[in-house]
Amino acid sequence: MKRLVQAPNLAIATLWADVLNGAGLAVTVQRAYASGIAGEIPPDQALPELWLDDEQRLGEARALLHHLQHPPERRWACPGCGEIIDGPFDQCWHCGAAMPHLA
């Protein structure tokens, strides 16, 4: 087993673990409930961690994790009304037109 990353909280750790496990990478969340003893131990020691079972897939796991931590920014102009749409949206919030697809 190899420690992959320390997560800022249990919700993020669980989300990352679910995505990595869904991609076929066996990941477990360790220290899931250690936040309850923060103060008794240093706060950075109470954060949840993701551990990868197969060390040979470390590069693949880190690449996917990097993509989760730094999603690509997406910005497009609505073909229906010209509104600029930011984020992961596939439909214009203003007029409902679908995002144009690049060929």
PDB file of N, CA and C in Angstrom:
ATOM      1  N   MET A   1       0.850  -1.189   0.000  1.00  0.00           N
ATOM      2  CA  MET A   1       0.000   0.000   0.000  1.00  0.00           C
ATOM      3  C   MET A   1       0.885   1.238   0.000  1.00  0.00           C
ATOM      4  N   LYS A   2       0.374   2.273  -0.635  1.00  0.00           N
ATOM      5  CA  LYS A   2       1.107   3.533  -0.743  1.00  0.00           C
ATOM      6  C   LYS A   2       0.151   4.685  -0.460  1.00  0.00           C
ATOM      7  N   ARG A   3       0.592   5.604   0.393  1.00  0.00           N
ATOM      8  CA  ARG A   3      -0.234   6.786   0.664  1.00  0.00           C
ATOM      9  C   ARG A   3      -0.271   7.658  -0.581  1.00  0.00           C
ATOM     10  N   LEU A   4      -1.465   8.005  -0.983  1.00  0.00           N
ATOM     11  CA  LEU A   4      -1.661   8.784  -2.198  1.00  0.00           C
ATOM     12  C   LEU A   4      -1.742  10.274  -1.892  1.00  0.00           C
ATOM     13  N   VAL A   5      -2.615  10.635  -0.953  1.00  0.00           N
ATOM     14  CA  VAL A   5      -2.824  12.056  -0.660  1.00  0.00           C
ATOM     15  C   VAL A   5      -3.549  12.208   0.674  1.00  0.00           C
ATOM     16  N   GLN A   6      -3.378  13.371   1.277  1.00  0.00           N
ATOM     17  CA  GLN A   6      -4.141  13.747   2.457  1.00  0.00           C
ATOM     18  C   GLN A   6      -5.252  14.674   1.983  1.00  0.00           C
ATOM     19  N   ALA A   7      -6.470  14.395   2.368  1.00  0.00           N
ATOM     20  CA  ALA A   7      -7.624  15.187   1.927  1.00  0.00           C
ATOM     21  C   ALA A   7      -7.967  16.245   2.971  1.00  0.00           C
ATOM     22  N   PRO A   8      -8.583  17.349   2.550  1.00  0.00           N
ATOM     23  CA  PRO A   8      -8.924  18.406   3.504  1.00  0.00           C
ATOM     24  C   PRO A   8     -10.062  18.040   4.460  1.00  0.00           C
ATOM     25  N   ASN A   9     -10.918  17.083   4.057  1.00  0.00           N
ATOM     26  CA  ASN A   9     -12.008  16.653   4.931  1.00  0.00           C
ATOM     27  C   ASN A   9     -12.527  15.295   4.446  1.00  0.00           C
ATOM     28  N   LEU A  10     -13.390  14.685   5.232  1.00  0.00           N
ATOM     29  CA  LEU A  10     -13.890  13.342   4.927  1.00  0.00           C
ATOM     30  C   LEU A  10     -14.765  13.326   3.672  1.00  0.00           C
ATOM     31  N   ALA A  11     -15.542  14.365   3.446  1.00  0.00           N
ATOM     32  CA  ALA A  11     -16.409  14.396   2.261  1.00  0.00           C
ATOM     33  C   ALA A  11     -15.574  14.365   0.979  1.00  0.00           C
ATOM     34  N   ILE A  12     -14.534  15.172   0.920  1.00  0.00           N
ATOM     35  CA  ILE A  12     -13.662  15.205  -0.259  1.00  0.00           C
ATOM     36  C   ILE A  12     -12.925  13.874  -0.391  1.00  0.00           C
ATOM     37  N   ALA A  13     -12.429  13.340   0.702  1.00  0.00           N
ATOM     38  CA  ALA A  13     -11.714  12.067   0.662  1.00  0.00           C
ATOM     39  C   ALA A  13     -12.610  10.957   0.115  1.00  0.00           C
ATOM     40  N   THR A  14     -13.852  10.922   0.545  1.00  0.00           N
ATOM     41  CA  THR A  14     -14.794   9.906   0.079  1.00  0.00           C
ATOM     42  C   THR A  14     -15.118  10.085  -1.394  1.00  0.00           C
ATOM     43  N   LEU A  15     -15.305  11.321  -1.821  1.00  0.00           N
ATOM     44  CA  LEU A  15     -15.567  11.602  -3.228  1.00  0.00           C
ATOM     45  C   LEU A  15     -14.401  11.149  -4.102  1.00  0.00           C
ATOM     46  N   TRP A  16     -13.178  11.542  -3.726  1.00  0.00           N
ATOM     47  CA  TRP A  16     -12.001  11.144  -4.490  1.00  0.00           C
ATOM     48  C   TRP A  16     -11.858   9.631  -4.522  1.00  0.00           C
ATOM     49  N   ALA A  17     -12.061   8.981  -3.380  1.00  0.00           N
ATOM     50  CA  ALA A  17     -11.938   7.524  -3.318  1.00  0.00           C
ATOM     51  C   ALA A  17     -12.967   6.849  -4.214  1.00  0.00           C
ATOM     52  N   ASP A  18     -14.190   7.353  -4.239  1.00  0.00           N
ATOM     53  CA  ASP A  18     -15.231   6.770  -5.091  1.00  0.00           C
ATOM     54  C   ASP A  18     -14.864   6.872  -6.567  1.00  0.00           C
ATOM     55  N   VAL A  19     -14.345   8.032  -6.980  1.00  0.00           N
ATOM     56  CA  VAL A  19     -13.966   8.206  -8.383  1.00  0.00           C
ATOM     57  C   VAL A  19     -12.795   7.285  -8.736  1.00  0.00           C
ATOM     58  N   LEU A  20     -11.796   7.230  -7.876  1.00  0.00           N
ATOM     59  CA  LEU A  20     -10.634   6.379  -8.134  1.00  0.00           C
ATOM     60  C   LEU A  20     -11.025   4.901  -8.151  1.00  0.00           C
ATOM     61  N   ASN A  21     -11.858   4.486  -7.214  1.00  0.00           N
ATOM     62  CA  ASN A  21     -12.327   3.094  -7.204  1.00  0.00           C
ATOM     63  C   ASN A  21     -13.161   2.793  -8.445  1.00  0.00           C
ATOM     64  N   GLY A  22     -13.963   3.742  -8.876  1.00  0.00           N
ATOM     65  CA  GLY A  22     -14.757   3.571 -10.082  1.00  0.00           C
ATOM     66  C   GLY A  22     -13.904   3.429 -11.329  1.00  0.00           C
ATOM     67  N   ALA A  23     -12.681   3.971 -11.286  1.00  0.00           N
ATOM     68  CA  ALA A  23     -11.751   3.861 -12.409  1.00  0.00           C
ATOM     69  C   ALA A  23     -10.915   2.583 -12.321  1.00  0.00           C
ATOM     70  N   GLY A  24     -11.233   1.737 -11.350  1.00  0.00           N
ATOM     71  CA  GLY A  24     -10.518   0.471 -11.223  1.00  0.00           C
ATOM     72  C   GLY A  24      -9.279   0.522 -10.360  1.00  0.00           C
ATOM     73  N   LEU A  25      -9.092   1.614  -9.646  1.00  0.00           N
ATOM     74  CA  LEU A  25      -7.942   1.748  -8.748  1.00  0.00           C
ATOM     75  C   LEU A  25      -8.419   1.473  -7.322  1.00  0.00           C
ATOM     76  N   ALA A  26      -7.868   0.460  -6.699  1.00  0.00           N
ATOM     77  CA  ALA A  26      -8.289   0.093  -5.338  1.00  0.00           C
ATOM     78  C   ALA A  26      -7.719   1.099  -4.344  1.00  0.00           C
ATOM     79  N   VAL A  27      -8.590   1.955  -3.817  1.00  0.00           N
ATOM     80  CA  VAL A  27      -8.200   3.016  -2.890  1.00  0.00           C
ATOM     81  C   VAL A  27      -9.042   2.893  -1.632  1.00  0.00           C
ATOM     82  N   THR A  28      -8.420   3.118  -0.483  1.00  0.00           N
ATOM     83  CA  THR A  28      -9.150   3.138   0.778  1.00  0.00           C
ATOM     84  C   THR A  28      -8.929   4.473   1.472  1.00  0.00           C
ATOM     85  N   VAL A  29      -9.889   4.864   2.289  1.00  0.00           N
ATOM     86  CA  VAL A  29      -9.772   6.082   3.086  1.00  0.00           C
ATOM     87  C   VAL A  29      -9.336   5.662   4.486  1.00  0.00           C
ATOM     88  N   GLN A  30      -8.206   6.184   4.909  1.00  0.00           N
ATOM     89  CA  GLN A  30      -7.695   5.924   6.252  1.00  0.00           C
ATOM     90  C   GLN A  30      -7.869   7.180   7.099  1.00  0.00           C
ATOM     91  N   ARG A  31      -7.954   7.011   8.399  1.00  0.00           N
ATOM     92  CA  ARG A  31      -8.166   8.108   9.355  1.00  0.00           C
ATOM     93  C   ARG A  31      -9.479   8.835   9.094  1.00  0.00           C
ATOM     94  N   ALA A  32     -10.477   8.101   8.673  1.00  0.00           N
ATOM     95  CA  ALA A  32     -11.763   8.710   8.340  1.00  0.00           C
ATOM     96  C   ALA A  32     -12.393   9.430   9.533  1.00  0.00           C
ATOM     97  N   TYR A  33     -12.191   8.918  10.722  1.00  0.00           N
ATOM     98  CA  TYR A  33     -12.861   9.501  11.885  1.00  0.00           C
ATOM     99  C   TYR A  33     -11.886  10.099  12.894  1.00  0.00           C
ATOM    100  N   ALA A  34     -10.673  10.355  12.455  1.00  0.00           N
ATOM    101  CA  ALA A  34      -9.669  10.912  13.366  1.00  0.00           C
ATOM    102  C   ALA A  34      -9.931  12.376  13.697  1.00  0.00           C
ATOM    103  N   SER A  35     -10.786  13.045  12.927  1.00  0.00           N
ATOM    104  CA  SER A  35     -11.060  14.459  13.208  1.00  0.00           C
ATOM    105  C   SER A  35     -11.670  14.641  14.599  1.00  0.00           C
ATOM    106  N   GLY A  36     -12.261  13.608  15.129  1.00  0.00           N
ATOM    107  CA  GLY A  36     -12.852  13.674  16.458  1.00  0.00           C
ATOM    108  C   GLY A  36     -11.828  13.850  17.567  1.00  0.00           C
ATOM    109  N   ILE A  37     -10.579  13.531  17.287  1.00  0.00           N
ATOM    110  CA  ILE A  37      -9.545  13.694  18.309  1.00  0.00           C
ATOM    111  C   ILE A  37      -8.580  14.832  17.964  1.00  0.00           C
ATOM    112  N   ALA A  38      -8.950  15.665  16.988  1.00  0.00           N
ATOM    113  CA  ALA A  38      -8.132  16.848  16.672  1.00  0.00           C
ATOM    114  C   ALA A  38      -8.054  17.709  17.922  1.00  0.00           C
ATOM    115  N   GLY A  39      -6.896  18.163  18.236  1.00  0.00           N
ATOM    116  CA  GLY A  39      -6.659  18.886  19.491  1.00  0.00           C
ATOM    117  C   GLY A  39      -5.890  18.006  20.446  1.00  0.00           C
ATOM    118  N   GLU A  40      -6.269  16.732  20.487  1.00  0.00           N
ATOM    119  CA  GLU A  40      -5.509  15.748  21.249  1.00  0.00           C
ATOM    120  C   GLU A  40      -4.239  15.382  20.479  1.00  0.00           C
ATOM    121  N   ILE A  41      -4.366  15.406  19.158  1.00  0.00           N
ATOM    122  CA  ILE A  41      -3.221  15.201  18.274  1.00  0.00           C
ATOM    123  C   ILE A  41      -3.142  16.422  17.361  1.00  0.00           C
ATOM    124  N   PRO A  42      -2.015  16.666  16.708  1.00  0.00           N
ATOM    125  CA  PRO A  42      -1.936  17.818  15.809  1.00  0.00           C
ATOM    126  C   PRO A  42      -3.008  17.743  14.725  1.00  0.00           C
ATOM    127  N   PRO A  43      -3.608  18.889  14.366  1.00  0.00           N
ATOM    128  CA  PRO A  43      -4.697  18.885  13.382  1.00  0.00           C
ATOM    129  C   PRO A  43      -4.328  18.231  12.054  1.00  0.00           C
ATOM    130  N   ASP A  44      -3.093  18.401  11.598  1.00  0.00           N
ATOM    131  CA  ASP A  44      -2.716  17.800  10.320  1.00  0.00           C
ATOM    132  C   ASP A  44      -2.612  16.277  10.403  1.00  0.00           C
ATOM    133  N   GLN A  45      -2.549  15.742  11.605  1.00  0.00           N
ATOM    134  CA  GLN A  45      -2.520  14.292  11.780  1.00  0.00           C
ATOM    135  C   GLN A  45      -3.923  13.695  11.862  1.00  0.00           C
ATOM    136  N   ALA A  46      -4.927  14.564  11.895  1.00  0.00           N
ATOM    137  CA  ALA A  46      -6.313  14.107  12.009  1.00  0.00           C
ATOM    138  C   ALA A  46      -7.051  14.142  10.674  1.00  0.00           C
ATOM    139  N   LEU A  47      -6.367  14.534   9.597  1.00  0.00           N
ATOM    140  CA  LEU A  47      -7.021  14.608   8.294  1.00  0.00           C
ATOM    141  C   LEU A  47      -7.079  13.229   7.638  1.00  0.00           C
ATOM    142  N   PRO A  48      -8.148  12.957   6.894  1.00  0.00           N
ATOM    143  CA  PRO A  48      -8.249  11.659   6.211  1.00  0.00           C
ATOM    144  C   PRO A  48      -7.218  11.541   5.091  1.00  0.00           C
ATOM    145  N   GLU A  49      -6.820  10.309   4.812  1.00  0.00           N
ATOM    146  CA  GLU A  49      -5.841  10.032   3.765  1.00  0.00           C
ATOM    147  C   GLU A  49      -6.376   8.983   2.814  1.00  0.00           C
ATOM    148  N   LEU A  50      -5.933   9.063   1.562  1.00  0.00           N
ATOM    149  CA  LEU A  50      -6.256   8.038   0.574  1.00  0.00           C
ATOM    150  C   LEU A  50      -5.022   7.167   0.379  1.00  0.00           C
ATOM    151  N   TRP A  51      -5.225   5.861   0.438  1.00  0.00           N
ATOM    152  CA  TRP A  51      -4.149   4.899   0.262  1.00  0.00           C
ATOM    153  C   TRP A  51      -4.480   4.011  -0.921  1.00  0.00           C
ATOM    154  N   LEU A  52      -3.488   3.811  -1.763  1.00  0.00           N
ATOM    155  CA  LEU A  52      -3.615   3.003  -2.970  1.00  0.00           C
ATOM    156  C   LEU A  52      -3.072   1.609  -2.704  1.00  0.00           C
ATOM    157  N   ASP A  53      -3.849   0.575  -3.042  1.00  0.00           N
ATOM    158  CA  ASP A  53      -3.417  -0.806  -2.799  1.00  0.00           C
ATOM    159  C   ASP A  53      -2.267  -1.230  -3.712  1.00  0.00           C
ATOM    160  N   ASP A  54      -2.358  -0.920  -4.999  1.00  0.00           N
ATOM    161  CA  ASP A  54      -1.368  -1.364  -5.981  1.00  0.00           C
ATOM    162  C   ASP A  54      -0.393  -0.233  -6.291  1.00  0.00           C
ATOM    163  N   GLU A  55       0.787  -0.279  -5.696  1.00  0.00           N
ATOM    164  CA  GLU A  55       1.783   0.778  -5.868  1.00  0.00           C
ATOM    165  C   GLU A  55       2.219   0.945  -7.320  1.00  0.00           C
ATOM    166  N   GLN A  56       2.074  -0.092  -8.136  1.00  0.00           N
ATOM    167  CA  GLN A  56       2.487  -0.012  -9.530  1.00  0.00           C
ATOM    168  C   GLN A  56       1.560   0.888 -10.344  1.00  0.00           C
ATOM    169  N   ARG A  57       0.405   1.201  -9.812  1.00  0.00           N
ATOM    170  CA  ARG A  57      -0.548   2.075 -10.505  1.00  0.00           C
ATOM    171  C   ARG A  57      -0.544   3.491  -9.918  1.00  0.00           C
ATOM    172  N   LEU A  58       0.530   3.819  -9.208  1.00  0.00           N
ATOM    173  CA  LEU A  58       0.633   5.119  -8.541  1.00  0.00           C
ATOM    174  C   LEU A  58       0.554   6.284  -9.527  1.00  0.00           C
ATOM    175  N   GLY A  59       1.251   6.187 -10.649  1.00  0.00           N
ATOM    176  CA  GLY A  59       1.224   7.259 -11.644  1.00  0.00           C
ATOM    177  C   GLY A  59      -0.164   7.496 -12.189  1.00  0.00           C
ATOM    178  N   GLU A  60      -0.868   6.416 -12.486  1.00  0.00           N
ATOM    179  CA  GLU A  60      -2.241   6.507 -12.991  1.00  0.00           C
ATOM    180  C   GLU A  60      -3.164   7.147 -11.952  1.00  0.00           C
ATOM    181  N   ALA A  61      -3.003   6.737 -10.703  1.00  0.00           N
ATOM    182  CA  ALA A  61      -3.835   7.276  -9.626  1.00  0.00           C
ATOM    183  C   ALA A  61      -3.559   8.757  -9.403  1.00  0.00           C
ATOM    184  N   ARG A  62      -2.289   9.142  -9.424  1.00  0.00           N
ATOM    185  CA  ARG A  62      -1.940  10.552  -9.225  1.00  0.00           C
ATOM    186  C   ARG A  62      -2.447  11.421 -10.368  1.00  0.00           C
ATOM    187  N   ALA A  63      -2.396  10.905 -11.591  1.00  0.00           N
ATOM    188  CA  ALA A  63      -2.898  11.669 -12.740  1.00  0.00           C
ATOM    189  C   ALA A  63      -4.398  11.913 -12.620  1.00  0.00           C
ATOM    190  N   LEU A  64      -5.155  10.876 -12.253  1.00  0.00           N
ATOM    191  CA  LEU A  64      -6.597  11.031 -12.094  1.00  0.00           C
ATOM    192  C   LEU A  64      -6.920  11.963 -10.927  1.00  0.00           C
ATOM    193  N   LEU A  65      -6.178  11.829  -9.850  1.00  0.00           N
ATOM    194  CA  LEU A  65      -6.386  12.694  -8.694  1.00  0.00           C
ATOM    195  C   LEU A  65      -6.079  14.153  -9.049  1.00  0.00           C
ATOM    196  N   HIS A  66      -5.024  14.385  -9.823  1.00  0.00           N
ATOM    197  CA  HIS A  66      -4.690  15.748 -10.253  1.00  0.00           C
ATOM    198  C   HIS A  66      -5.846  16.332 -11.071  1.00  0.00           C
ATOM    199  N   HIS A  67      -6.433  15.522 -11.942  1.00  0.00           N
ATOM    200  CA  HIS A  67      -7.571  15.980 -12.745  1.00  0.00           C
ATOM    201  C   HIS A  67      -8.761  16.322 -11.839  1.00  0.00           C
ATOM    202  N   LEU A  68      -8.965  15.558 -10.773  1.00  0.00           N
ATOM    203  CA  LEU A  68     -10.054  15.852  -9.837  1.00  0.00           C
ATOM    204  C   LEU A  68      -9.792  17.136  -9.058  1.00  0.00           C
ATOM    205  N   GLN A  69      -8.541  17.354  -8.696  1.00  0.00           N
ATOM    206  CA  GLN A  69      -8.186  18.537  -7.915  1.00  0.00           C
ATOM    207  C   GLN A  69      -8.118  19.800  -8.769  1.00  0.00           C
ATOM    208  N   HIS A  70      -7.844  19.652 -10.072  1.00  0.00           N
ATOM    209  CA  HIS A  70      -7.699  20.799 -10.977  1.00  0.00           C
ATOM    210  C   HIS A  70      -8.515  20.561 -12.247  1.00  0.00           C
ATOM    211  N   PRO A  71      -9.832  20.609 -12.146  1.00  0.00           N
ATOM    212  CA  PRO A  71     -10.647  20.361 -13.338  1.00  0.00           C
ATOM    213  C   PRO A  71     -10.400  21.436 -14.390  1.00  0.00           C
ATOM    214  N   PRO A  72     -10.461  21.055 -15.660  1.00  0.00           N
ATOM    215  CA  PRO A  72     -10.256  22.059 -16.710  1.00  0.00           C
ATOM    216  C   PRO A  72     -11.382  23.088 -16.696  1.00  0.00           C
ATOM    217  N   GLU A  73     -10.997  24.339 -16.904  1.00  0.00           N
ATOM    218  CA  GLU A  73     -12.007  25.393 -16.961  1.00  0.00           C
ATOM    219  C   GLU A  73     -12.667  25.365 -18.331  1.00  0.00           C
ATOM    220  N   ARG A  74     -13.945  25.563 -18.319  1.00  0.00           N
ATOM    221  CA  ARG A  74     -14.685  25.529 -19.575  1.00  0.00           C
ATOM    222  C   ARG A  74     -15.512  26.799 -19.668  1.00  0.00           C
ATOM    223  N   ARG A  75     -15.419  27.445 -20.819  1.00  0.00           N
ATOM    224  CA  ARG A  75     -16.176  28.674 -21.053  1.00  0.00           C
ATOM    225  C   ARG A  75     -16.649  28.644 -22.493  1.00  0.00           C
ATOM    226  N   TRP A  76     -17.917  28.943 -22.686  1.00  0.00           N
ATOM    227  CA  TRP A  76     -18.458  28.951 -24.042  1.00  0.00           C
ATOM    228  C   TRP A  76     -19.539  30.012 -24.171  1.00  0.00           C
ATOM    229  N   ALA A  77     -19.748  30.458 -25.407  1.00  0.00           N
ATOM    230  CA  ALA A  77     -20.785  31.448 -25.703  1.00  0.00           C
ATOM    231  C   ALA A  77     -22.014  30.725 -26.227  1.00  0.00           C
ATOM    232  N   CYS A  78     -23.156  31.050 -25.682  1.00  0.00           N
ATOM    233  CA  CYS A  78     -24.410  30.425 -26.087  1.00  0.00           C
ATOM    234  C   CYS A  78     -24.735  30.807 -27.528  1.00  0.00           C
ATOM    235  N   PRO A  79     -25.033  29.812 -28.378  1.00  0.00           N
ATOM    236  CA  PRO A  79     -25.389  30.130 -29.767  1.00  0.00           C
ATOM    237  C   PRO A  79     -26.780  30.763 -29.875  1.00  0.00           C
ATOM    238  N   GLY A  80     -27.594  30.624 -28.832  1.00  0.00           N
ATOM    239  CA  GLY A  80     -28.952  31.164 -28.882  1.00  0.00           C
ATOM    240  C   GLY A  80     -29.044  32.625 -28.482  1.00  0.00           C
ATOM    241  N   CYS A  81     -28.367  32.988 -27.377  1.00  0.00           N
ATOM    242  CA  CYS A  81     -28.514  34.356 -26.875  1.00  0.00           C
ATOM    243  C   CYS A  81     -27.189  35.087 -26.692  1.00  0.00           C
ATOM    244  N   GLY A  82     -26.072  34.388 -26.853  1.00  0.00           N
ATOM    245  CA  GLY A  82     -24.773  35.028 -26.723  1.00  0.00           C
ATOM    246  C   GLY A  82     -24.242  35.098 -25.305  1.00  0.00           C
ATOM    247  N   GLU A  83     -24.987  34.585 -24.337  1.00  0.00           N
ATOM    248  CA  GLU A  83     -24.554  34.590 -22.935  1.00  0.00           C
ATOM    249  C   GLU A  83     -23.263  33.783 -22.792  1.00  0.00           C
ATOM    250  N   ILE A  84     -22.329  34.273 -21.965  1.00  0.00           N
ATOM    251  CA  ILE A  84     -21.093  33.541 -21.688  1.00  0.00           C
ATOM    252  C   ILE A  84     -21.365  32.605 -20.508  1.00  0.00           C
ATOM    253  N   ILE A  85     -21.110  31.314 -20.724  1.00  0.00           N
ATOM    254  CA  ILE A  85     -21.371  30.293 -19.710  1.00  0.00           C
ATOM    255  C   ILE A  85     -20.040  29.767 -19.184  1.00  0.00           C
ATOM    256  N   ASP A  86     -19.855  29.809 -17.876  1.00  0.00           N
ATOM    257  CA  ASP A  86     -18.658  29.282 -17.217  1.00  0.00           C
ATOM    258  C   ASP A  86     -19.003  28.004 -16.483  1.00  0.00           C
ATOM    259  N   GLY A  87     -18.039  27.113 -16.388  1.00  0.00           N
ATOM    260  CA  GLY A  87     -18.208  25.921 -15.573  1.00  0.00           C
ATOM    261  C   GLY A  87     -18.629  24.705 -16.363  1.00  0.00           C
ATOM    262  N   PRO A  88     -19.131  23.703 -15.651  1.00  0.00           N
ATOM    263  CA  PRO A  88     -19.411  22.408 -16.272  1.00  0.00           C
ATOM    264  C   PRO A  88     -20.771  22.318 -16.971  1.00  0.00           C
ATOM    265  N   PHE A  89     -21.419  23.437 -17.192  1.00  0.00           N
ATOM    266  CA  PHE A  89     -22.778  23.425 -17.717  1.00  0.00           C
ATOM    267  C   PHE A  89     -22.815  23.110 -19.210  1.00  0.00           C
ATOM    268  N   ASP A  90     -23.750  22.272 -19.615  1.00  0.00           N
ATOM    269  CA  ASP A  90     -23.937  21.898 -21.014  1.00  0.00           C
ATOM    270  C   ASP A  90     -25.130  22.606 -21.640  1.00  0.00           C
ATOM    271  N   GLN A  91     -25.772  23.458 -20.855  1.00  0.00           N
ATOM    272  CA  GLN A  91     -26.965  24.149 -21.321  1.00  0.00           C
ATOM    273  C   GLN A  91     -26.925  25.584 -20.797  1.00  0.00           C
ATOM    274  N   CYS A  92     -27.396  26.524 -21.605  1.00  0.00           N
ATOM    275  CA  CYS A  92     -27.425  27.931 -21.212  1.00  0.00           C
ATOM    276  C   CYS A  92     -28.442  28.146 -20.090  1.00  0.00           C
ATOM    277  N   TRP A  93     -28.031  28.834 -19.053  1.00  0.00           N
ATOM    278  CA  TRP A  93     -28.942  29.100 -17.942  1.00  0.00           C
ATOM    279  C   TRP A  93     -29.986  30.137 -18.336  1.00  0.00           C
ATOM    280  N   HIS A  94     -29.680  30.968 -19.322  1.00  0.00           N
ATOM    281  CA  HIS A  94     -30.559  32.072 -19.696  1.00  0.00           C
ATOM    282  C   HIS A  94     -31.678  31.646 -20.655  1.00  0.00           C
ATOM    283  N   CYS A  95     -31.297  30.942 -21.753  1.00  0.00           N
ATOM    284  CA  CYS A  95     -32.311  30.603 -22.765  1.00  0.00           C
ATOM    285  C   CYS A  95     -32.523  29.097 -22.931  1.00  0.00           C
ATOM    286  N   GLY A  96     -31.671  28.289 -22.316  1.00  0.00           N
ATOM    287  CA  GLY A  96     -31.850  26.834 -22.390  1.00  0.00           C
ATOM    288  C   GLY A  96     -31.213  26.169 -23.596  1.00  0.00           C
ATOM    289  N   ALA A  97     -30.519  26.914 -24.431  1.00  0.00           N
ATOM    290  CA  ALA A  97     -29.876  26.319 -25.624  1.00  0.00           C
ATOM    291  C   ALA A  97     -28.739  25.392 -25.193  1.00  0.00           C
ATOM    292  N   ALA A  98     -28.546  24.352 -25.975  1.00  0.00           N
ATOM    293  CA  ALA A  98     -27.477  23.393 -25.681  1.00  0.00           C
ATOM    294  C   ALA A  98     -26.124  23.956 -26.083  1.00  0.00           C
ATOM    295  N   MET A  99     -25.096  23.517 -25.369  1.00  0.00           N
ATOM    296  CA  MET A  99     -23.735  23.922 -25.688  1.00  0.00           C
ATOM    297  C   MET A  99     -23.374  23.399 -27.078  1.00  0.00           C
ATOM    298  N   PRO A 100     -22.751  24.238 -27.899  1.00  0.00           N
ATOM    299  CA  PRO A 100     -22.345  23.743 -29.222  1.00  0.00           C
ATOM    300  C   PRO A 100     -21.225  22.713 -29.087  1.00  0.00           C
ATOM    301  N   HIS A 101     -21.288  21.675 -29.892  1.00  0.00           N
ATOM    302  CA  HIS A 101     -20.267  20.635 -29.855  1.00  0.00           C
ATOM    303  C   HIS A 101     -19.275  20.864 -30.981  1.00  0.00           C
ATOM    304  N   LEU A 102     -18.005  20.745 -30.628  1.00  0.00           N
ATOM    305  CA  LEU A 102     -16.955  20.908 -31.635  1.00  0.00           C
ATOM    306  C   LEU A 102     -16.796  19.619 -32.406  1.00  0.00           C
ATOM    307  N   ALA A 103     -16.614  19.715 -33.681  1.00  0.00           N
ATOM    308  CA  ALA A 103     -16.463  18.526 -34.542  1.00  0.00           C
ATOM    309  C   ALA A 103     -15.046  18.030 -34.510  1.00  0.00           C
TER     310      ALA A 103
END
